[in-house]
Amino acid sequence: MRYFIALVFPWLTFFTMGKPLQGILCLLLQITLIGWIPATIWAFASISSFNADPRTDKLIQAVKVR
């Protein structure tokens, strides 16, 4: 669902992840038509990072247990 929001409203994606300052910056970037594409790419990259962080933490905990 976040990927669809990132495609249509990239700035809203940051608010759903709890990053309001980045959301405002993304909205300013998105206001221009040229900035829409970089804003979308930034939102997709942020979603990937947001999803990868818990997985990385889980892997680190698994290695520490051994």
C-alpha atoms as a PDB file:
ATOM      1  CA  MET A   1       0.000   0.000   0.000  1.00  0.00           C
ATOM      2  CA  ARG A   2       2.862   2.384   0.769  1.00  0.00           C
ATOM      3  CA  TYR A   3       4.269   1.855  -2.705  1.00  0.00           C
ATOM      4  CA  PHE A   4       1.000   2.987  -4.290  1.00  0.00           C
ATOM      5  CA  ILE A   5       0.925   6.049  -2.041  1.00  0.00           C
ATOM      6  CA  ALA A   6       4.558   6.751  -2.974  1.00  0.00           C
ATOM      7  CA  LEU A   7       3.629   6.712  -6.635  1.00  0.00           C
ATOM      8  CA  VAL A   8       0.628   9.032  -6.312  1.00  0.00           C
ATOM      9  CA  PHE A   9       1.511  11.185  -3.268  1.00  0.00           C
ATOM     10  CA  PRO A  10       5.212  10.762  -2.458  1.00  0.00           C
ATOM     11  CA  TRP A  11       5.087  13.285   0.390  1.00  0.00           C
ATOM     12  CA  LEU A  12       2.328  11.370   2.168  1.00  0.00           C
ATOM     13  CA  THR A  13       4.547   8.296   2.326  1.00  0.00           C
ATOM     14  CA  PHE A  14       6.892  10.035   4.741  1.00  0.00           C
ATOM     15  CA  PHE A  15       4.045  10.975   7.059  1.00  0.00           C
ATOM     16  CA  THR A  16       2.933   7.325   7.210  1.00  0.00           C
ATOM     17  CA  MET A  17       6.462   6.383   8.290  1.00  0.00           C
ATOM     18  CA  GLY A  18       6.594   9.046  11.007  1.00  0.00           C
ATOM     19  CA  LYS A  19       8.975  11.418   9.199  1.00  0.00           C
ATOM     20  CA  PRO A  20       7.058  14.704   8.897  1.00  0.00           C
ATOM     21  CA  LEU A  21      10.059  16.940   8.133  1.00  0.00           C
ATOM     22  CA  GLN A  22      11.050  14.782   5.174  1.00  0.00           C
ATOM     23  CA  GLY A  23       7.396  14.775   4.116  1.00  0.00           C
ATOM     24  CA  ILE A  24       7.340  18.558   3.979  1.00  0.00           C
ATOM     25  CA  LEU A  25      10.600  18.651   2.018  1.00  0.00           C
ATOM     26  CA  CYS A  26       9.232  16.061  -0.381  1.00  0.00           C
ATOM     27  CA  LEU A  27       6.040  18.091  -0.822  1.00  0.00           C
ATOM     28  CA  LEU A  28       8.102  21.141  -1.740  1.00  0.00           C
ATOM     29  CA  LEU A  29       9.989  19.036  -4.265  1.00  0.00           C
ATOM     30  CA  GLN A  30       6.799  17.515  -5.626  1.00  0.00           C
ATOM     31  CA  ILE A  31       5.147  20.884  -6.271  1.00  0.00           C
ATOM     32  CA  THR A  32       7.119  21.199  -9.496  1.00  0.00           C
ATOM     33  CA  LEU A  33       6.412  18.697 -12.252  1.00  0.00           C
ATOM     34  CA  ILE A  34      10.129  18.103 -12.732  1.00  0.00           C
ATOM     35  CA  GLY A  35      10.508  17.356  -9.025  1.00  0.00           C
ATOM     36  CA  TRP A  36       7.756  14.733  -9.044  1.00  0.00           C
ATOM     37  CA  ILE A  37      10.027  12.000 -10.403  1.00  0.00           C
ATOM     38  CA  PRO A  38      12.860  12.571  -7.882  1.00  0.00           C
ATOM     39  CA  ALA A  39      10.273  12.796  -5.074  1.00  0.00           C
ATOM     40  CA  THR A  40       8.810   9.455  -6.118  1.00  0.00           C
ATOM     41  CA  ILE A  41      12.231   7.834  -6.326  1.00  0.00           C
ATOM     42  CA  TRP A  42      13.107   9.235  -2.890  1.00  0.00           C
ATOM     43  CA  ALA A  43       9.862   7.868  -1.445  1.00  0.00           C
ATOM     44  CA  PHE A  44      10.479   4.396  -2.913  1.00  0.00           C
ATOM     45  CA  ALA A  45      14.047   4.371  -1.564  1.00  0.00           C
ATOM     46  CA  SER A  46      12.822   5.437   1.869  1.00  0.00           C
ATOM     47  CA  ILE A  47      10.216   2.671   1.926  1.00  0.00           C
ATOM     48  CA  SER A  48      12.888   0.103   1.094  1.00  0.00           C
ATOM     49  CA  SER A  49      15.089   1.414   3.883  1.00  0.00           C
ATOM     50  CA  PHE A  50      12.168   1.544   6.308  1.00  0.00           C
ATOM     51  CA  ASN A  51      11.310  -2.086   5.585  1.00  0.00           C
ATOM     52  CA  ALA A  52      14.937  -3.242   5.712  1.00  0.00           C
ATOM     53  CA  ASP A  53      15.733  -1.788   9.141  1.00  0.00           C
ATOM     54  CA  PRO A  54      13.632  -4.271  11.170  1.00  0.00           C
ATOM     55  CA  ARG A  55      14.999  -7.181   9.129  1.00  0.00           C
ATOM     56  CA  THR A  56      18.563  -6.043   9.772  1.00  0.00           C
ATOM     57  CA  ASP A  57      17.915  -5.684  13.493  1.00  0.00           C
ATOM     58  CA  LYS A  58      16.426  -9.178  13.579  1.00  0.00           C
ATOM     59  CA  LEU A  59      19.476 -10.634  11.813  1.00  0.00           C
ATOM     60  CA  ILE A  60      21.864  -8.859  14.175  1.00  0.00           C
ATOM     61  CA  GLN A  61      19.982 -10.220  17.191  1.00  0.00           C
ATOM     62  CA  ALA A  62      20.129 -13.731  15.729  1.00  0.00           C
ATOM     63  CA  VAL A  63      23.902 -13.485  15.267  1.00  0.00           C
ATOM     64  CA  LYS A  64      24.416 -12.151  18.813  1.00  0.00           C
ATOM     65  CA  VAL A  65      22.497 -15.094  20.283  1.00  0.00           C
ATOM     66  CA  ARG A  66      24.873 -17.598  18.720  1.00  0.00           C
END
